Amino acid sequence: MAVEPKHGLVQKLLEETGITEAQALELISLLGSNWSSLIREAKAIRDSLKPRGGPPTA
């Protein structure tokens, strides 16, 4: 069934990056199943949502 691999990618993105299910589904619809592209963009989304203003980390 075609839904299973997509569901697996969504779960993996959620667990590894903390983005929402809707964000993961949108990324998959835009990028397909290329894991390196998905993880790169998911991390960019996650990082853009972090509050700024704390001291820089080393």
PDB file of N, CA and C in Angstrom:
ATOM      1  N   MET A   1       0.839  -1.183   0.000  1.00  0.00           N
ATOM      2  CA  MET A   1       0.000   0.000   0.000  1.00  0.00           C
ATOM      3  C   MET A   1       0.885   1.248   0.000  1.00  0.00           C
ATOM      4  N   ALA A   2       0.585   2.244  -0.819  1.00  0.00           N
ATOM      5  CA  ALA A   2       1.430   3.418  -1.005  1.00  0.00           C
ATOM      6  C   ALA A   2       1.450   4.348   0.209  1.00  0.00           C
ATOM      7  N   VAL A   3       0.455   4.287   1.048  1.00  0.00           N
ATOM      8  CA  VAL A   3       0.372   5.196   2.191  1.00  0.00           C
ATOM      9  C   VAL A   3       1.411   4.853   3.258  1.00  0.00           C
ATOM     10  N   GLU A   4       1.739   3.598   3.414  1.00  0.00           N
ATOM     11  CA  GLU A   4       2.653   3.185   4.489  1.00  0.00           C
ATOM     12  C   GLU A   4       4.015   3.875   4.437  1.00  0.00           C
ATOM     13  N   PRO A   5       4.734   3.877   3.296  1.00  0.00           N
ATOM     14  CA  PRO A   5       6.035   4.547   3.283  1.00  0.00           C
ATOM     15  C   PRO A   5       5.926   6.038   3.582  1.00  0.00           C
ATOM     16  N   LYS A   6       4.882   6.692   3.077  1.00  0.00           N
ATOM     17  CA  LYS A   6       4.689   8.118   3.344  1.00  0.00           C
ATOM     18  C   LYS A   6       4.474   8.340   4.839  1.00  0.00           C
ATOM     19  N   HIS A   7       3.650   7.487   5.452  1.00  0.00           N
ATOM     20  CA  HIS A   7       3.403   7.598   6.883  1.00  0.00           C
ATOM     21  C   HIS A   7       4.704   7.416   7.661  1.00  0.00           C
ATOM     22  N   GLY A   8       5.531   6.492   7.227  1.00  0.00           N
ATOM     23  CA  GLY A   8       6.818   6.272   7.880  1.00  0.00           C
ATOM     24  C   GLY A   8       7.717   7.487   7.795  1.00  0.00           C
ATOM     25  N   LEU A   9       7.724   8.146   6.638  1.00  0.00           N
ATOM     26  CA  LEU A   9       8.522   9.362   6.491  1.00  0.00           C
ATOM     27  C   LEU A   9       8.019  10.469   7.405  1.00  0.00           C
ATOM     28  N   VAL A  10       6.706  10.599   7.485  1.00  0.00           N
ATOM     29  CA  VAL A  10       6.120  11.622   8.365  1.00  0.00           C
ATOM     30  C   VAL A  10       6.553  11.366   9.799  1.00  0.00           C
ATOM     31  N   GLN A  11       6.385  10.144  10.268  1.00  0.00           N
ATOM     32  CA  GLN A  11       6.757   9.805  11.646  1.00  0.00           C
ATOM     33  C   GLN A  11       8.233  10.069  11.902  1.00  0.00           C
ATOM     34  N   LYS A  12       9.069   9.679  10.952  1.00  0.00           N
ATOM     35  CA  LYS A  12      10.509   9.863  11.110  1.00  0.00           C
ATOM     36  C   LYS A  12      10.863  11.351  11.190  1.00  0.00           C
ATOM     37  N   LEU A  13      10.235  12.167  10.339  1.00  0.00           N
ATOM     38  CA  LEU A  13      10.478  13.609  10.393  1.00  0.00           C
ATOM     39  C   LEU A  13      10.011  14.207  11.720  1.00  0.00           C
ATOM     40  N   LEU A  14       8.844  13.770  12.186  1.00  0.00           N
ATOM     41  CA  LEU A  14       8.328  14.269  13.462  1.00  0.00           C
ATOM     42  C   LEU A  14       9.289  13.946  14.598  1.00  0.00           C
ATOM     43  N   GLU A  15       9.752  12.711  14.631  1.00  0.00           N
ATOM     44  CA  GLU A  15      10.625  12.268  15.720  1.00  0.00           C
ATOM     45  C   GLU A  15      11.992  12.945  15.671  1.00  0.00           C
ATOM     46  N   GLU A  16      12.540  13.116  14.477  1.00  0.00           N
ATOM     47  CA  GLU A  16      13.903  13.634  14.372  1.00  0.00           C
ATOM     48  C   GLU A  16      14.003  15.153  14.397  1.00  0.00           C
ATOM     49  N   THR A  17      12.900  15.842  14.043  1.00  0.00           N
ATOM     50  CA  THR A  17      13.002  17.301  13.950  1.00  0.00           C
ATOM     51  C   THR A  17      12.005  18.056  14.803  1.00  0.00           C
ATOM     52  N   GLY A  18      10.892  17.423  15.174  1.00  0.00           N
ATOM     53  CA  GLY A  18       9.900  18.103  16.001  1.00  0.00           C
ATOM     54  C   GLY A  18       8.958  19.010  15.233  1.00  0.00           C
ATOM     55  N   ILE A  19       8.957  18.938  13.897  1.00  0.00           N
ATOM     56  CA  ILE A  19       7.989  19.729  13.145  1.00  0.00           C
ATOM     57  C   ILE A  19       6.615  19.085  13.268  1.00  0.00           C
ATOM     58  N   THR A  20       5.589  19.783  12.817  1.00  0.00           N
ATOM     59  CA  THR A  20       4.237  19.244  12.921  1.00  0.00           C
ATOM     60  C   THR A  20       3.965  18.258  11.786  1.00  0.00           C
ATOM     61  N   GLU A  21       2.919  17.458  11.971  1.00  0.00           N
ATOM     62  CA  GLU A  21       2.536  16.504  10.933  1.00  0.00           C
ATOM     63  C   GLU A  21       2.165  17.238   9.641  1.00  0.00           C
ATOM     64  N   ALA A  22       1.451  18.354   9.758  1.00  0.00           N
ATOM     65  CA  ALA A  22       1.069  19.128   8.573  1.00  0.00           C
ATOM     66  C   ALA A  22       2.305  19.636   7.827  1.00  0.00           C
ATOM     67  N   GLN A  23       3.301  20.096   8.581  1.00  0.00           N
ATOM     68  CA  GLN A  23       4.537  20.571   7.951  1.00  0.00           C
ATOM     69  C   GLN A  23       5.258  19.433   7.249  1.00  0.00           C
ATOM     70  N   ALA A  24       5.310  18.267   7.892  1.00  0.00           N
ATOM     71  CA  ALA A  24       5.965  17.108   7.298  1.00  0.00           C
ATOM     72  C   ALA A  24       5.256  16.683   6.010  1.00  0.00           C
ATOM     73  N   LEU A  25       3.937  16.651   6.042  1.00  0.00           N
ATOM     74  CA  LEU A  25       3.177  16.278   4.845  1.00  0.00           C
ATOM     75  C   LEU A  25       3.394  17.273   3.713  1.00  0.00           C
ATOM     76  N   GLU A  26       3.462  18.542   4.043  1.00  0.00           N
ATOM     77  CA  GLU A  26       3.700  19.555   3.010  1.00  0.00           C
ATOM     78  C   GLU A  26       5.087  19.387   2.394  1.00  0.00           C
ATOM     79  N   LEU A  27       6.085  19.143   3.233  1.00  0.00           N
ATOM     80  CA  LEU A  27       7.432  18.929   2.711  1.00  0.00           C
ATOM     81  C   LEU A  27       7.480  17.723   1.786  1.00  0.00           C
ATOM     82  N   ILE A  28       6.833  16.644   2.181  1.00  0.00           N
ATOM     83  CA  ILE A  28       6.826  15.438   1.352  1.00  0.00           C
ATOM     84  C   ILE A  28       6.122  15.708   0.026  1.00  0.00           C
ATOM     85  N   SER A  29       5.050  16.481   0.066  1.00  0.00           N
ATOM     86  CA  SER A  29       4.342  16.786  -1.184  1.00  0.00           C
ATOM     87  C   SER A  29       5.197  17.665  -2.100  1.00  0.00           C
ATOM     88  N   LEU A  30       6.031  18.513  -1.521  1.00  0.00           N
ATOM     89  CA  LEU A  30       6.881  19.397  -2.321  1.00  0.00           C
ATOM     90  C   LEU A  30       8.168  18.720  -2.786  1.00  0.00           C
ATOM     91  N   LEU A  31       8.771  17.911  -1.924  1.00  0.00           N
ATOM     92  CA  LEU A  31      10.106  17.376  -2.190  1.00  0.00           C
ATOM     93  C   LEU A  31      10.144  15.897  -2.544  1.00  0.00           C
ATOM     94  N   GLY A  32       9.035  15.215  -2.337  1.00  0.00           N
ATOM     95  CA  GLY A  32       9.052  13.766  -2.561  1.00  0.00           C
ATOM     96  C   GLY A  32       9.678  13.064  -1.372  1.00  0.00           C
ATOM     97  N   SER A  33      10.284  11.932  -1.617  1.00  0.00           N
ATOM     98  CA  SER A  33      10.804  11.111  -0.511  1.00  0.00           C
ATOM     99  C   SER A  33      12.317  11.191  -0.351  1.00  0.00           C
ATOM    100  N   ASN A  34      12.942  12.215  -0.902  1.00  0.00           N
ATOM    101  CA  ASN A  34      14.389  12.377  -0.763  1.00  0.00           C
ATOM    102  C   ASN A  34      14.703  12.769   0.681  1.00  0.00           C
ATOM    103  N   TRP A  35      15.235  11.818   1.447  1.00  0.00           N
ATOM    104  CA  TRP A  35      15.422  12.019   2.878  1.00  0.00           C
ATOM    105  C   TRP A  35      16.346  13.184   3.207  1.00  0.00           C
ATOM    106  N   SER A  36      17.442  13.331   2.490  1.00  0.00           N
ATOM    107  CA  SER A  36      18.372  14.413   2.819  1.00  0.00           C
ATOM    108  C   SER A  36      17.719  15.780   2.601  1.00  0.00           C
ATOM    109  N   SER A  37      16.916  15.924   1.553  1.00  0.00           N
ATOM    110  CA  SER A  37      16.205  17.182   1.326  1.00  0.00           C
ATOM    111  C   SER A  37      15.136  17.411   2.384  1.00  0.00           C
ATOM    112  N   LEU A  38      14.409  16.351   2.720  1.00  0.00           N
ATOM    113  CA  LEU A  38      13.360  16.476   3.733  1.00  0.00           C
ATOM    114  C   LEU A  38      13.930  16.888   5.079  1.00  0.00           C
ATOM    115  N   ILE A  39      14.999  16.238   5.498  1.00  0.00           N
ATOM    116  CA  ILE A  39      15.566  16.525   6.814  1.00  0.00           C
ATOM    117  C   ILE A  39      16.164  17.938   6.843  1.00  0.00           C
ATOM    118  N   ARG A  40      16.799  18.350   5.732  1.00  0.00           N
ATOM    119  CA  ARG A  40      17.366  19.702   5.654  1.00  0.00           C
ATOM    120  C   ARG A  40      16.271  20.757   5.809  1.00  0.00           C
ATOM    121  N   GLU A  41      15.195  20.598   5.066  1.00  0.00           N
ATOM    122  CA  GLU A  41      14.112  21.584   5.112  1.00  0.00           C
ATOM    123  C   GLU A  41      13.352  21.535   6.431  1.00  0.00           C
ATOM    124  N   ALA A  42      13.167  20.344   6.985  1.00  0.00           N
ATOM    125  CA  ALA A  42      12.492  20.223   8.278  1.00  0.00           C
ATOM    126  C   ALA A  42      13.299  20.913   9.378  1.00  0.00           C
ATOM    127  N   LYS A  43      14.613  20.756   9.337  1.00  0.00           N
ATOM    128  CA  LYS A  43      15.457  21.432  10.327  1.00  0.00           C
ATOM    129  C   LYS A  43      15.412  22.943  10.141  1.00  0.00           C
ATOM    130  N   ALA A  44      15.328  23.396   8.900  1.00  0.00           N
ATOM    131  CA  ALA A  44      15.224  24.833   8.646  1.00  0.00           C
ATOM    132  C   ALA A  44      13.922  25.381   9.215  1.00  0.00           C
ATOM    133  N   ILE A  45      12.834  24.632   9.038  1.00  0.00           N
ATOM    134  CA  ILE A  45      11.546  25.047   9.613  1.00  0.00           C
ATOM    135  C   ILE A  45      11.648  25.091  11.128  1.00  0.00           C
ATOM    136  N   ARG A  46      12.180  24.026  11.709  1.00  0.00           N
ATOM    137  CA  ARG A  46      12.306  23.954  13.165  1.00  0.00           C
ATOM    138  C   ARG A  46      13.143  25.124  13.689  1.00  0.00           C
ATOM    139  N   ASP A  47      14.256  25.382  13.053  1.00  0.00           N
ATOM    140  CA  ASP A  47      15.150  26.433  13.522  1.00  0.00           C
ATOM    141  C   ASP A  47      14.542  27.825  13.347  1.00  0.00           C
ATOM    142  N   SER A  48      13.722  28.002  12.315  1.00  0.00           N
ATOM    143  CA  SER A  48      13.095  29.305  12.098  1.00  0.00           C
ATOM    144  C   SER A  48      12.020  29.593  13.142  1.00  0.00           C
ATOM    145  N   LEU A  49      11.522  28.552  13.801  1.00  0.00           N
ATOM    146  CA  LEU A  49      10.478  28.729  14.809  1.00  0.00           C
ATOM    147  C   LEU A  49      11.031  28.903  16.216  1.00  0.00           C
ATOM    148  N   LYS A  50      12.336  28.683  16.389  1.00  0.00           N
ATOM    149  CA  LYS A  50      12.941  28.846  17.712  1.00  0.00           C
ATOM    150  C   LYS A  50      12.989  30.318  18.084  1.00  0.00           C
ATOM    151  N   PRO A  51      12.701  30.630  19.345  1.00  0.00           N
ATOM    152  CA  PRO A  51      12.808  32.033  19.773  1.00  0.00           C
ATOM    153  C   PRO A  51      14.261  32.497  19.730  1.00  0.00           C
ATOM    154  N   ARG A  52      14.423  33.706  19.295  1.00  0.00           N
ATOM    155  CA  ARG A  52      15.777  34.269  19.242  1.00  0.00           C
ATOM    156  C   ARG A  52      15.973  35.203  20.426  1.00  0.00           C
ATOM    157  N   GLY A  53      17.214  35.528  20.701  1.00  0.00           N
ATOM    158  CA  GLY A  53      17.466  36.474  21.761  1.00  0.00           C
ATOM    159  C   GLY A  53      18.331  35.915  22.875  1.00  0.00           C
ATOM    160  N   GLY A  54      18.542  34.613  22.874  1.00  0.00           N
ATOM    161  CA  GLY A  54      19.431  34.018  23.871  1.00  0.00           C
ATOM    162  C   GLY A  54      20.872  34.169  23.438  1.00  0.00           C
ATOM    163  N   PRO A  55      21.789  33.858  24.317  1.00  0.00           N
ATOM    164  CA  PRO A  55      23.191  33.952  23.956  1.00  0.00           C
ATOM    165  C   PRO A  55      23.535  32.907  22.886  1.00  0.00           C
ATOM    166  N   PRO A  56      24.477  33.237  22.006  1.00  0.00           N
ATOM    167  CA  PRO A  56      24.865  32.267  20.985  1.00  0.00           C
ATOM    168  C   PRO A  56      25.499  31.033  21.593  1.00  0.00           C
ATOM    169  N   THR A  57      25.269  29.902  20.966  1.00  0.00           N
ATOM    170  CA  THR A  57      25.857  28.652  21.461  1.00  0.00           C
ATOM    171  C   THR A  57      27.130  28.367  20.710  1.00  0.00           C
ATOM    172  N   ALA A  58      28.051  27.701  21.371  1.00  0.00           N
ATOM    173  CA  ALA A  58      29.360  27.413  20.761  1.00  0.00           C
ATOM    174  C   ALA A  58      29.297  26.220  19.862  1.00  0.00           C
TER     175      ALA A  58
END
